[in-house]
Amino acid sequence: MVFVKGQSGNINGRTKGVANKSTIKAREAISMFVDNNVHRLEKWLDDIANGVKDASGDVVVNPNPLEAFKLFTSVIEYHIPKLQRSEHQNLDKNGNPADQINKIEVVFVESDSNKDT
């Protein structure tokens, strides 16, 4: 039996764009791990941003707020969809560039790290 591209022959199969069971379970486990360790993450980021001193007052970790911010943004990209960048050229009915923008559309896309392979 020959199948047409995009059709598996199983009419009750998983619909396009729906993650498989293993991926869903993995995402739930990672989400639970992150949720249970938010307090640690906050402390670690605060320690990096503000620096750490030992009991004698000597600096063990120098303050680095920029690095703390970079680490924070690298973590949240797994929980907040990234905006897709696109250019928009506003044209009038004749195809000439128009001065007024009528509509701006924002599209959320899933990070490549969250997609099925």
N, C-alpha and C. Protein backbone atom coordinates (compact mmCIF):
# COMPACT_ATOMS: atom_id res chain seq x y z
N MET A 1 0.85 -1.18 0.00
CA MET A 1 0.00 0.00 0.00
C MET A 1 0.89 1.24 0.00
N VAL A 2 0.63 2.16 -0.89
CA VAL A 2 1.41 3.38 -1.02
C VAL A 2 0.67 4.51 -0.31
N PHE A 3 1.43 5.26 0.51
CA PHE A 3 0.83 6.37 1.24
C PHE A 3 1.16 7.69 0.55
N VAL A 4 0.25 8.60 0.63
CA VAL A 4 0.45 9.95 0.12
C VAL A 4 1.22 10.75 1.16
N LYS A 5 2.14 11.59 0.70
CA LYS A 5 2.94 12.41 1.62
C LYS A 5 2.01 13.19 2.56
N GLY A 6 2.28 13.09 3.86
CA GLY A 6 1.48 13.80 4.86
C GLY A 6 0.32 12.99 5.38
N GLN A 7 0.12 11.79 4.87
CA GLN A 7 -0.97 10.93 5.32
C GLN A 7 -0.40 9.57 5.71
N SER A 8 -0.60 9.17 6.94
CA SER A 8 -0.05 7.90 7.41
C SER A 8 -0.96 6.73 7.12
N GLY A 9 -2.18 6.99 6.83
CA GLY A 9 -3.14 5.91 6.65
C GLY A 9 -3.95 5.65 7.90
N ASN A 10 -3.49 6.15 9.04
CA ASN A 10 -4.21 5.99 10.30
C ASN A 10 -5.05 7.24 10.53
N ILE A 11 -6.34 7.13 10.26
CA ILE A 11 -7.21 8.31 10.39
C ILE A 11 -7.40 8.74 11.84
N ASN A 12 -7.10 7.84 12.79
CA ASN A 12 -7.22 8.18 14.20
C ASN A 12 -5.87 8.56 14.82
N GLY A 13 -4.86 8.77 14.01
CA GLY A 13 -3.52 9.08 14.50
C GLY A 13 -3.43 10.47 15.10
N ARG A 14 -2.26 10.77 15.64
CA ARG A 14 -2.01 12.06 16.27
C ARG A 14 -2.09 13.15 15.21
N THR A 15 -2.76 14.24 15.53
CA THR A 15 -2.88 15.34 14.58
C THR A 15 -1.57 16.12 14.54
N LYS A 16 -1.34 16.78 13.43
CA LYS A 16 -0.11 17.53 13.21
C LYS A 16 0.03 18.62 14.27
N GLY A 17 1.21 18.75 14.84
CA GLY A 17 1.49 19.79 15.82
C GLY A 17 1.30 19.36 17.26
N VAL A 18 0.72 18.18 17.48
CA VAL A 18 0.49 17.67 18.83
C VAL A 18 1.70 16.83 19.23
N ALA A 19 2.27 17.12 20.41
CA ALA A 19 3.45 16.40 20.88
C ALA A 19 3.09 14.96 21.23
N ASN A 20 4.09 14.06 21.12
CA ASN A 20 3.83 12.67 21.50
C ASN A 20 3.84 12.55 23.02
N LYS A 21 3.43 11.39 23.54
CA LYS A 21 3.27 11.19 24.97
C LYS A 21 4.58 11.37 25.73
N SER A 22 5.68 10.88 25.16
CA SER A 22 6.98 11.00 25.83
C SER A 22 7.40 12.46 25.97
N THR A 23 7.19 13.24 24.93
CA THR A 23 7.53 14.66 24.96
C THR A 23 6.69 15.39 26.00
N ILE A 24 5.41 15.08 26.04
CA ILE A 24 4.52 15.72 27.02
C ILE A 24 4.97 15.39 28.43
N LYS A 25 5.30 14.11 28.70
CA LYS A 25 5.76 13.71 30.03
C LYS A 25 7.07 14.38 30.38
N ALA A 26 7.99 14.48 29.43
CA ALA A 26 9.28 15.14 29.69
C ALA A 26 9.08 16.61 30.02
N ARG A 27 8.22 17.28 29.26
CA ARG A 27 7.95 18.70 29.52
C ARG A 27 7.31 18.90 30.89
N GLU A 28 6.40 18.00 31.27
CA GLU A 28 5.76 18.10 32.59
C GLU A 28 6.79 17.89 33.70
N ALA A 29 7.71 16.94 33.51
CA ALA A 29 8.74 16.67 34.53
C ALA A 29 9.67 17.87 34.68
N ILE A 30 10.08 18.46 33.56
CA ILE A 30 10.96 19.63 33.62
C ILE A 30 10.23 20.80 34.28
N SER A 31 8.97 20.99 33.92
CA SER A 31 8.19 22.07 34.51
C SER A 31 8.05 21.89 36.02
N MET A 32 7.79 20.66 36.45
CA MET A 32 7.66 20.38 37.88
C MET A 32 8.99 20.64 38.60
N PHE A 33 10.10 20.22 37.97
CA PHE A 33 11.42 20.44 38.57
C PHE A 33 11.68 21.94 38.73
N VAL A 34 11.39 22.70 37.69
CA VAL A 34 11.62 24.15 37.74
C VAL A 34 10.72 24.78 38.81
N ASP A 35 9.45 24.40 38.84
CA ASP A 35 8.52 24.96 39.82
C ASP A 35 8.96 24.66 41.25
N ASN A 36 9.52 23.49 41.47
CA ASN A 36 9.96 23.11 42.82
C ASN A 36 11.30 23.71 43.21
N ASN A 37 11.98 24.35 42.28
CA ASN A 37 13.30 24.91 42.57
C ASN A 37 13.40 26.40 42.29
N VAL A 38 12.25 27.06 42.16
CA VAL A 38 12.25 28.50 41.89
C VAL A 38 12.98 29.27 42.99
N HIS A 39 12.75 28.89 44.25
CA HIS A 39 13.40 29.60 45.35
C HIS A 39 14.92 29.50 45.25
N ARG A 40 15.44 28.36 44.82
CA ARG A 40 16.89 28.21 44.64
C ARG A 40 17.38 29.07 43.48
N LEU A 41 16.65 29.06 42.40
CA LEU A 41 17.02 29.86 41.24
C LEU A 41 17.09 31.34 41.61
N GLU A 42 16.11 31.82 42.34
CA GLU A 42 16.11 33.22 42.77
C GLU A 42 17.34 33.53 43.61
N LYS A 43 17.70 32.64 44.53
CA LYS A 43 18.88 32.85 45.38
C LYS A 43 20.15 32.85 44.54
N TRP A 44 20.26 31.90 43.62
CA TRP A 44 21.45 31.83 42.78
C TRP A 44 21.61 33.10 41.94
N LEU A 45 20.51 33.57 41.37
CA LEU A 45 20.58 34.79 40.56
C LEU A 45 20.93 36.00 41.43
N ASP A 46 20.36 36.06 42.64
CA ASP A 46 20.70 37.15 43.56
C ASP A 46 22.18 37.10 43.94
N ASP A 47 22.69 35.90 44.20
CA ASP A 47 24.11 35.75 44.55
C ASP A 47 25.01 36.22 43.42
N ILE A 48 24.65 35.89 42.18
CA ILE A 48 25.46 36.31 41.03
C ILE A 48 25.36 37.82 40.86
N ALA A 49 24.16 38.36 40.96
CA ALA A 49 23.96 39.80 40.75
C ALA A 49 24.62 40.63 41.84
N ASN A 50 24.49 40.20 43.10
CA ASN A 50 24.98 41.00 44.24
C ASN A 50 26.35 40.59 44.73
N GLY A 51 26.84 39.44 44.29
CA GLY A 51 28.12 38.94 44.77
C GLY A 51 27.94 38.16 46.06
N VAL A 52 28.97 37.39 46.41
CA VAL A 52 28.92 36.56 47.62
C VAL A 52 30.19 36.81 48.43
N LYS A 53 29.99 36.97 49.73
CA LYS A 53 31.13 37.11 50.65
C LYS A 53 31.12 35.93 51.61
N ASP A 54 32.32 35.52 52.03
CA ASP A 54 32.39 34.43 53.01
C ASP A 54 32.22 35.00 54.42
N ALA A 55 32.35 34.16 55.42
CA ALA A 55 32.12 34.56 56.82
C ALA A 55 33.07 35.67 57.26
N SER A 56 34.27 35.71 56.69
CA SER A 56 35.24 36.73 57.08
C SER A 56 35.05 38.04 56.32
N GLY A 57 34.12 38.07 55.37
CA GLY A 57 33.85 39.28 54.61
C GLY A 57 34.60 39.38 53.30
N ASP A 58 35.39 38.35 52.99
CA ASP A 58 36.11 38.34 51.72
C ASP A 58 35.15 37.99 50.58
N VAL A 59 35.35 38.65 49.45
CA VAL A 59 34.49 38.41 48.29
C VAL A 59 34.84 37.06 47.67
N VAL A 60 33.85 36.20 47.56
CA VAL A 60 34.03 34.89 46.94
C VAL A 60 33.56 34.94 45.48
N VAL A 61 32.45 35.64 45.25
CA VAL A 61 31.91 35.85 43.90
C VAL A 61 31.69 37.34 43.73
N ASN A 62 32.33 37.91 42.71
CA ASN A 62 32.16 39.34 42.44
C ASN A 62 30.75 39.61 41.91
N PRO A 63 30.15 40.75 42.27
CA PRO A 63 28.82 41.10 41.76
C PRO A 63 28.84 41.19 40.22
N ASN A 64 27.84 40.60 39.59
CA ASN A 64 27.76 40.63 38.14
C ASN A 64 26.28 40.64 37.71
N PRO A 65 25.62 41.80 37.83
CA PRO A 65 24.19 41.86 37.49
C PRO A 65 23.90 41.53 36.02
N LEU A 66 24.82 41.88 35.12
CA LEU A 66 24.60 41.58 33.70
C LEU A 66 24.57 40.07 33.47
N GLU A 67 25.47 39.33 34.08
CA GLU A 67 25.49 37.88 33.94
C GLU A 67 24.22 37.27 34.55
N ALA A 68 23.77 37.80 35.68
CA ALA A 68 22.53 37.31 36.29
C ALA A 68 21.35 37.52 35.35
N PHE A 69 21.32 38.67 34.70
CA PHE A 69 20.24 38.95 33.74
C PHE A 69 20.30 37.99 32.56
N LYS A 70 21.50 37.75 32.03
CA LYS A 70 21.64 36.82 30.90
C LYS A 70 21.17 35.42 31.30
N LEU A 71 21.53 34.97 32.49
CA LEU A 71 21.11 33.65 32.95
C LEU A 71 19.59 33.60 33.11
N PHE A 72 19.01 34.67 33.65
CA PHE A 72 17.56 34.73 33.82
C PHE A 72 16.85 34.63 32.48
N THR A 73 17.32 35.40 31.50
CA THR A 73 16.67 35.37 30.18
C THR A 73 16.87 34.03 29.50
N SER A 74 17.99 33.36 29.76
CA SER A 74 18.19 32.04 29.15
C SER A 74 17.25 31.01 29.75
N VAL A 75 16.83 31.20 31.00
CA VAL A 75 15.90 30.27 31.64
C VAL A 75 14.47 30.53 31.19
N ILE A 76 14.07 31.79 31.13
CA ILE A 76 12.67 32.07 30.82
C ILE A 76 12.30 31.78 29.37
N GLU A 77 13.29 31.67 28.49
CA GLU A 77 12.94 31.38 27.10
C GLU A 77 12.29 30.00 26.95
N TYR A 78 12.43 29.15 27.95
CA TYR A 78 11.79 27.84 27.90
C TYR A 78 10.34 27.89 28.39
N HIS A 79 9.93 29.01 28.97
CA HIS A 79 8.58 29.12 29.51
C HIS A 79 7.74 30.18 28.83
N ILE A 80 8.39 31.09 28.14
CA ILE A 80 7.66 32.15 27.45
C ILE A 80 7.99 32.04 25.97
N PRO A 81 6.99 31.92 25.11
CA PRO A 81 7.28 31.79 23.68
C PRO A 81 7.99 33.03 23.15
N LYS A 82 8.89 32.82 22.21
CA LYS A 82 9.61 33.93 21.60
C LYS A 82 8.73 34.58 20.54
N LEU A 83 8.91 35.87 20.35
CA LEU A 83 8.21 36.56 19.28
C LEU A 83 8.91 36.27 17.97
N GLN A 84 8.14 36.01 16.94
CA GLN A 84 8.72 35.79 15.63
C GLN A 84 8.96 37.15 14.98
N ARG A 85 10.15 37.34 14.49
CA ARG A 85 10.46 38.62 13.85
C ARG A 85 10.03 38.57 12.39
N SER A 86 9.40 39.61 11.96
CA SER A 86 9.02 39.69 10.56
C SER A 86 8.98 41.15 10.15
N GLU A 87 9.28 41.39 8.89
CA GLU A 87 9.23 42.75 8.38
C GLU A 87 7.89 42.96 7.69
N HIS A 88 7.38 44.14 7.81
CA HIS A 88 6.10 44.46 7.21
C HIS A 88 6.25 45.73 6.40
N GLN A 89 5.87 45.66 5.15
CA GLN A 89 5.87 46.84 4.31
C GLN A 89 4.42 47.18 4.01
N ASN A 90 4.01 48.35 4.46
CA ASN A 90 2.63 48.78 4.27
C ASN A 90 2.48 49.40 2.88
N LEU A 91 1.64 48.77 2.06
CA LEU A 91 1.42 49.27 0.71
C LEU A 91 -0.02 49.70 0.54
N ASP A 92 -0.20 50.70 -0.31
CA ASP A 92 -1.58 51.12 -0.61
C ASP A 92 -2.18 50.19 -1.68
N LYS A 93 -3.38 50.50 -2.14
CA LYS A 93 -4.08 49.63 -3.10
C LYS A 93 -3.33 49.49 -4.42
N ASN A 94 -2.49 50.46 -4.74
CA ASN A 94 -1.74 50.44 -6.00
C ASN A 94 -0.36 49.78 -5.85
N GLY A 95 -0.03 49.33 -4.64
CA GLY A 95 1.26 48.68 -4.41
C GLY A 95 2.37 49.65 -4.06
N ASN A 96 2.03 50.91 -3.82
CA ASN A 96 3.03 51.91 -3.43
C ASN A 96 3.14 51.97 -1.91
N PRO A 97 4.34 52.27 -1.38
CA PRO A 97 4.48 52.38 0.08
C PRO A 97 3.51 53.40 0.66
N ALA A 98 2.81 53.02 1.71
CA ALA A 98 1.84 53.89 2.36
C ALA A 98 2.46 54.47 3.63
N ASP A 99 1.95 55.62 4.06
CA ASP A 99 2.49 56.27 5.25
C ASP A 99 1.86 55.76 6.53
N GLN A 100 0.68 55.22 6.46
CA GLN A 100 -0.05 54.83 7.66
C GLN A 100 -0.03 53.31 7.82
N ILE A 101 0.21 52.87 9.06
CA ILE A 101 0.17 51.44 9.36
C ILE A 101 -1.24 51.12 9.84
N ASN A 102 -1.85 50.14 9.20
CA ASN A 102 -3.22 49.76 9.54
C ASN A 102 -3.28 48.67 10.60
N LYS A 103 -2.29 47.78 10.62
CA LYS A 103 -2.38 46.63 11.51
C LYS A 103 -0.97 46.10 11.79
N ILE A 104 -0.72 45.75 13.05
CA ILE A 104 0.52 45.09 13.43
C ILE A 104 0.14 43.75 14.02
N GLU A 105 0.75 42.69 13.52
CA GLU A 105 0.43 41.35 13.98
C GLU A 105 1.63 40.77 14.72
N VAL A 106 1.38 40.21 15.91
CA VAL A 106 2.42 39.57 16.70
C VAL A 106 2.15 38.08 16.68
N VAL A 107 3.17 37.30 16.34
CA VAL A 107 3.02 35.86 16.25
C VAL A 107 3.96 35.21 17.26
N PHE A 108 3.43 34.33 18.12
CA PHE A 108 4.24 33.60 19.07
C PHE A 108 4.63 32.26 18.43
N VAL A 109 5.91 31.94 18.53
CA VAL A 109 6.39 30.66 18.01
C VAL A 109 7.05 29.88 19.11
N GLU A 110 7.02 28.58 19.00
CA GLU A 110 7.61 27.71 19.99
C GLU A 110 9.11 27.64 19.75
N SER A 111 9.90 27.68 20.83
CA SER A 111 11.34 27.58 20.75
C SER A 111 11.73 26.25 20.14
N ASP A 112 12.83 26.23 19.34
CA ASP A 112 13.30 24.99 18.72
C ASP A 112 13.59 23.93 19.76
N SER A 113 13.99 24.31 20.96
CA SER A 113 14.33 23.34 21.99
C SER A 113 13.10 22.62 22.52
N ASN A 114 11.91 23.15 22.25
CA ASN A 114 10.68 22.53 22.73
C ASN A 114 9.98 21.70 21.66
N LYS A 115 10.50 21.70 20.43
CA LYS A 115 9.84 20.99 19.35
C LYS A 115 10.24 19.52 19.35
N ASP A 116 9.34 18.69 18.81
CA ASP A 116 9.65 17.27 18.65
C ASP A 116 10.73 17.10 17.61
N THR A 117 11.52 16.06 17.78
CA THR A 117 12.55 15.78 16.77
C THR A 117 12.15 14.61 15.92
